[in-house]
Amino acid sequence: WAAVEVQWHDTATAQTRTVHTSDATPVRRLTYQAATEAEAIEHARAELARIQRATAEVRLSIYGDPRIASETPIDLTGFHPSVDGRWVTARVEHLLGSDYTTTLTATPPSGRRG
C-alpha cells in the first residue's frame, strides 16, 4: 500500500469526510470511522507507518556475536524512530578474518505484518 484513507464524521455538516495520507496508489481504506479530522489523520499516518515497517528489512554488520542466529529477536535502538524496536533475524552470517563480524538481515516480527 502506498497510501491510507480514513473516514471521519463532520458534526458541523453531518457528513462523512475522508482524509488521505497522499494521492499515491494503491490505497488502503480503513473501515474504522474516526470522530474528528485530527483523529482520522493520526490513524491514517499510523497505519501507513505500520505498513511501511511491516514491509521493511534491515541489514547490519556488527562486531561478532555468536548468540545471534536465524530467527533470533533483536532490539534496535539509536537508529531512527521507524527502525528502532524489535526485529527478528532472517539471515545471519558470522565471519572470522582479521576480526570477528556478524552480518544480519532482519524483518519485523510476524505479529506486525500487514
Protein backbone atom coordinates (compact mmCIF):
# COMPACT_ATOMS: atom_id res chain seq x y z
CA TRP A 1 0.00 0.00 0.00
CA ALA A 2 1.27 3.45 -0.90
CA ALA A 3 -1.40 5.47 0.92
CA VAL A 4 -4.09 5.12 3.57
CA GLU A 5 -7.53 6.68 3.76
CA VAL A 6 -9.74 7.05 6.84
CA GLN A 7 -13.25 8.44 7.11
CA TRP A 8 -14.40 10.79 9.86
CA HIS A 9 -17.72 12.32 10.83
CA ASP A 10 -18.02 16.09 10.45
CA THR A 11 -20.57 17.07 13.12
CA ALA A 12 -20.85 20.64 11.77
CA THR A 13 -22.20 19.43 8.41
CA ALA A 14 -23.42 15.97 9.46
CA GLN A 15 -21.37 14.48 6.61
CA THR A 16 -18.80 11.74 6.35
CA ARG A 17 -15.47 13.07 5.10
CA THR A 18 -12.26 11.30 4.11
CA VAL A 19 -8.58 12.04 4.74
CA HIS A 20 -5.71 10.55 2.69
CA THR A 21 -2.03 10.23 3.55
CA SER A 22 -1.21 11.02 -0.10
CA ASP A 23 -2.56 10.79 -3.65
CA ALA A 24 -0.47 7.67 -4.33
CA THR A 25 -1.99 4.31 -5.21
CA PRO A 26 -2.80 1.65 -4.18
CA VAL A 27 -4.82 2.97 -1.24
CA ARG A 28 -5.67 1.00 1.89
CA ARG A 29 -9.09 2.06 3.15
CA LEU A 30 -9.62 1.57 6.86
CA THR A 31 -13.12 0.55 7.91
CA TYR A 32 -12.73 2.48 11.15
CA GLN A 33 -14.56 5.84 11.21
CA ALA A 34 -12.82 8.49 13.28
CA ALA A 35 -14.67 11.01 15.42
CA THR A 36 -12.61 14.00 14.24
CA GLU A 37 -10.42 15.00 11.32
CA ALA A 38 -7.35 15.10 13.58
CA GLU A 39 -8.07 11.57 14.80
CA ALA A 40 -8.54 10.37 11.20
CA ILE A 41 -5.21 11.90 10.16
CA GLU A 42 -3.48 10.29 13.14
CA HIS A 43 -4.94 6.86 12.35
CA ALA A 44 -4.06 7.14 8.65
CA ARG A 45 -0.46 8.13 9.37
CA ALA A 46 -0.05 5.40 11.98
CA GLU A 47 -1.41 2.74 9.64
CA LEU A 48 0.86 3.86 6.79
CA ALA A 49 3.88 3.75 9.14
CA ARG A 50 2.86 0.24 10.26
CA ILE A 51 2.54 -0.91 6.64
CA GLN A 52 5.91 0.56 5.69
CA ARG A 53 7.59 -1.05 8.68
CA ALA A 54 5.96 -4.41 8.00
CA THR A 55 7.44 -4.46 4.51
CA ALA A 56 10.80 -3.22 5.74
CA GLU A 57 14.06 -5.04 6.16
CA VAL A 58 17.29 -4.01 7.88
CA ARG A 59 20.81 -5.20 7.14
CA LEU A 60 23.55 -4.73 9.70
CA SER A 61 27.19 -5.63 10.07
CA ILE A 62 28.24 -5.63 13.72
CA TYR A 63 31.02 -6.87 15.97
CA GLY A 64 30.77 -10.64 16.10
CA ASP A 65 28.12 -12.03 18.42
CA PRO A 66 27.78 -15.83 18.49
CA ARG A 67 24.44 -15.56 20.33
CA ILE A 68 22.74 -14.24 17.20
CA ALA A 69 21.26 -16.92 14.96
CA SER A 70 18.46 -17.03 12.43
CA GLU A 71 15.03 -16.28 13.98
CA THR A 72 16.64 -14.51 16.96
CA PRO A 73 14.67 -11.49 18.21
CA ILE A 74 16.83 -8.37 18.45
CA ASP A 75 16.07 -4.89 19.79
CA LEU A 76 17.46 -2.00 17.77
CA THR A 77 17.88 1.41 19.42
CA GLY A 78 19.52 4.67 18.46
CA PHE A 79 18.87 4.45 14.72
CA HIS A 80 15.66 6.19 13.61
CA PRO A 81 12.13 6.02 15.07
CA SER A 82 10.99 3.96 12.08
CA VAL A 83 13.80 1.45 12.71
CA ASP A 84 14.09 1.36 16.50
CA GLY A 85 12.25 -1.55 18.08
CA ARG A 86 12.00 -5.33 17.98
CA TRP A 87 13.09 -7.19 14.82
CA VAL A 88 13.68 -10.87 14.04
CA THR A 89 16.79 -12.04 12.22
CA ALA A 90 16.07 -13.71 8.90
CA ARG A 91 19.66 -14.37 7.80
CA VAL A 92 22.84 -14.35 9.87
CA GLU A 93 26.43 -14.81 8.73
CA HIS A 94 29.42 -14.99 11.07
CA LEU A 95 32.79 -14.11 9.54
CA LEU A 96 36.16 -14.68 11.14
CA GLY A 97 39.03 -12.89 9.45
CA SER A 98 41.29 -10.22 10.89
CA ASP A 99 38.33 -9.60 13.18
CA TYR A 100 35.04 -11.32 14.00
CA THR A 101 31.89 -9.82 12.47
CA THR A 102 28.25 -10.79 12.29
CA THR A 103 26.22 -9.68 9.28
CA LEU A 104 22.48 -10.00 9.60
CA THR A 105 19.23 -9.28 7.81
CA ALA A 106 16.18 -8.74 9.99
CA THR A 107 12.47 -8.20 9.45
CA PRO A 108 9.66 -7.06 11.76
CA PRO A 109 8.10 -9.78 13.93
CA SER A 110 5.31 -11.65 12.13
CA GLY A 111 2.74 -10.18 14.51
CA ARG A 112 3.33 -6.74 13.00
CA ARG A 113 2.95 -7.67 9.36
CA GLY A 114 0.09 -6.26 7.34
